[in-house]
Amino acid sequence: MPTSVPRLEDHESFEVRLNERYISEGEVCALVPGMTPGRLKMLRFQGTGPEFLKPTPKTVVYSERRVREWLEGTARKSTREAG
């Protein structure tokens, strides 16, 4: 008896992103002034940094678009603003 093959269109949350660029921790640090690998690791642990992907147990990559969105989301107009 043949089994059905899942189709991409069957997954509502699936979003195709052509030209998505994935970058390493080092590239994130180069993109974000003042970011260090240690600080980036701390942000991952706390869940307050940019979203990341973990394709293998020892590999962490970031979507460049999501890093930029996260960075822009930290914009403030005053040092008194929470964040």
C-alpha atoms as a PDB file:
ATOM      1  CA  MET A   1       0.000   0.000   0.000  1.00  0.00           C
ATOM      2  CA  PRO A   2       1.593   3.337  -1.032  1.00  0.00           C
ATOM      3  CA  THR A   3       2.062   5.970   1.609  1.00  0.00           C
ATOM      4  CA  SER A   4       1.178   9.555   0.841  1.00  0.00           C
ATOM      5  CA  VAL A   5       4.019  11.997   0.453  1.00  0.00           C
ATOM      6  CA  PRO A   6       3.595  15.263   2.381  1.00  0.00           C
ATOM      7  CA  ARG A   7       3.216  18.238   0.091  1.00  0.00           C
ATOM      8  CA  LEU A   8       4.524  21.720   0.893  1.00  0.00           C
ATOM      9  CA  GLU A   9       1.158  23.300   0.195  1.00  0.00           C
ATOM     10  CA  ASP A  10      -0.340  21.116   2.952  1.00  0.00           C
ATOM     11  CA  HIS A  11       1.644  23.043   5.570  1.00  0.00           C
ATOM     12  CA  GLU A  12      -0.006  26.386   6.272  1.00  0.00           C
ATOM     13  CA  SER A  13       2.982  27.827   8.136  1.00  0.00           C
ATOM     14  CA  PHE A  14       5.468  26.990   5.390  1.00  0.00           C
ATOM     15  CA  GLU A  15       6.854  30.094   3.713  1.00  0.00           C
ATOM     16  CA  VAL A  16       9.108  29.874   0.698  1.00  0.00           C
ATOM     17  CA  ARG A  17      11.932  32.376   0.824  1.00  0.00           C
ATOM     18  CA  LEU A  18      14.096  32.411  -2.239  1.00  0.00           C
ATOM     19  CA  ASN A  19      17.385  34.238  -1.866  1.00  0.00           C
ATOM     20  CA  GLU A  20      17.358  33.853   1.928  1.00  0.00           C
ATOM     21  CA  ARG A  21      20.930  34.299   3.141  1.00  0.00           C
ATOM     22  CA  TYR A  22      22.103  32.390   6.194  1.00  0.00           C
ATOM     23  CA  ILE A  23      25.070  33.682   8.135  1.00  0.00           C
ATOM     24  CA  SER A  24      27.390  32.382  10.839  1.00  0.00           C
ATOM     25  CA  GLU A  25      27.860  33.721  14.356  1.00  0.00           C
ATOM     26  CA  GLY A  26      30.986  35.543  13.172  1.00  0.00           C
ATOM     27  CA  GLU A  27      29.051  37.236  10.385  1.00  0.00           C
ATOM     28  CA  VAL A  28      26.378  38.324  12.880  1.00  0.00           C
ATOM     29  CA  CYS A  29      29.126  39.844  15.032  1.00  0.00           C
ATOM     30  CA  ALA A  30      30.503  41.674  11.987  1.00  0.00           C
ATOM     31  CA  LEU A  31      27.016  42.928  11.079  1.00  0.00           C
ATOM     32  CA  VAL A  32      26.068  44.192  14.558  1.00  0.00           C
ATOM     33  CA  PRO A  33      28.519  46.743  16.022  1.00  0.00           C
ATOM     34  CA  GLY A  34      29.742  45.720  19.476  1.00  0.00           C
ATOM     35  CA  MET A  35      28.429  42.152  19.229  1.00  0.00           C
ATOM     36  CA  THR A  36      30.772  39.404  20.379  1.00  0.00           C
ATOM     37  CA  PRO A  37      30.396  35.623  20.084  1.00  0.00           C
ATOM     38  CA  GLY A  38      29.978  35.396  23.865  1.00  0.00           C
ATOM     39  CA  ARG A  39      27.267  38.047  23.954  1.00  0.00           C
ATOM     40  CA  LEU A  40      25.467  36.392  21.045  1.00  0.00           C
ATOM     41  CA  LYS A  41      25.568  33.040  22.877  1.00  0.00           C
ATOM     42  CA  MET A  42      24.147  34.717  26.003  1.00  0.00           C
ATOM     43  CA  LEU A  43      21.317  36.269  23.960  1.00  0.00           C
ATOM     44  CA  ARG A  44      20.510  32.827  22.498  1.00  0.00           C
ATOM     45  CA  PHE A  45      20.438  31.307  25.980  1.00  0.00           C
ATOM     46  CA  GLN A  46      18.176  34.093  27.290  1.00  0.00           C
ATOM     47  CA  GLY A  47      15.951  33.988  24.198  1.00  0.00           C
ATOM     48  CA  THR A  48      16.357  37.730  23.626  1.00  0.00           C
ATOM     49  CA  GLY A  49      18.552  37.727  20.530  1.00  0.00           C
ATOM     50  CA  PRO A  50      17.741  37.181  16.886  1.00  0.00           C
ATOM     51  CA  GLU A  51      16.047  33.943  15.870  1.00  0.00           C
ATOM     52  CA  PHE A  52      18.507  31.241  14.911  1.00  0.00           C
ATOM     53  CA  LEU A  53      18.490  27.865  13.240  1.00  0.00           C
ATOM     54  CA  LYS A  54      20.292  24.808  14.505  1.00  0.00           C
ATOM     55  CA  PRO A  55      20.627  22.337  11.622  1.00  0.00           C
ATOM     56  CA  THR A  56      22.996  20.110  13.614  1.00  0.00           C
ATOM     57  CA  PRO A  57      23.721  19.878  17.345  1.00  0.00           C
ATOM     58  CA  LYS A  58      26.877  21.999  16.969  1.00  0.00           C
ATOM     59  CA  THR A  59      25.878  24.350  14.147  1.00  0.00           C
ATOM     60  CA  VAL A  60      24.048  27.645  14.642  1.00  0.00           C
ATOM     61  CA  VAL A  61      23.120  29.875  11.712  1.00  0.00           C
ATOM     62  CA  TYR A  62      21.057  33.012  11.378  1.00  0.00           C
ATOM     63  CA  SER A  63      18.887  34.446   8.640  1.00  0.00           C
ATOM     64  CA  GLU A  64      20.505  37.755   7.730  1.00  0.00           C
ATOM     65  CA  ARG A  65      17.022  39.227   7.202  1.00  0.00           C
ATOM     66  CA  ARG A  66      15.914  38.174  10.690  1.00  0.00           C
ATOM     67  CA  VAL A  67      19.067  39.556  12.285  1.00  0.00           C
ATOM     68  CA  ARG A  68      18.433  42.910  10.614  1.00  0.00           C
ATOM     69  CA  GLU A  69      14.773  42.857  11.697  1.00  0.00           C
ATOM     70  CA  TRP A  70      15.808  42.040  15.273  1.00  0.00           C
ATOM     71  CA  LEU A  71      18.375  44.837  15.243  1.00  0.00           C
ATOM     72  CA  GLU A  72      15.863  47.353  13.886  1.00  0.00           C
ATOM     73  CA  GLY A  73      13.403  46.222  16.559  1.00  0.00           C
ATOM     74  CA  THR A  74      15.806  47.474  19.233  1.00  0.00           C
ATOM     75  CA  ALA A  75      15.526  51.107  18.058  1.00  0.00           C
ATOM     76  CA  ARG A  76      14.904  53.615  20.858  1.00  0.00           C
ATOM     77  CA  LYS A  77      14.311  57.368  20.964  1.00  0.00           C
ATOM     78  CA  SER A  78      15.431  57.816  24.540  1.00  0.00           C
ATOM     79  CA  THR A  79      17.757  56.087  26.983  1.00  0.00           C
ATOM     80  CA  ARG A  80      14.788  55.983  29.381  1.00  0.00           C
ATOM     81  CA  GLU A  81      12.854  53.568  27.178  1.00  0.00           C
ATOM     82  CA  ALA A  82      12.672  49.994  28.411  1.00  0.00           C
ATOM     83  CA  GLY A  83      14.864  47.537  26.628  1.00  0.00           C
END
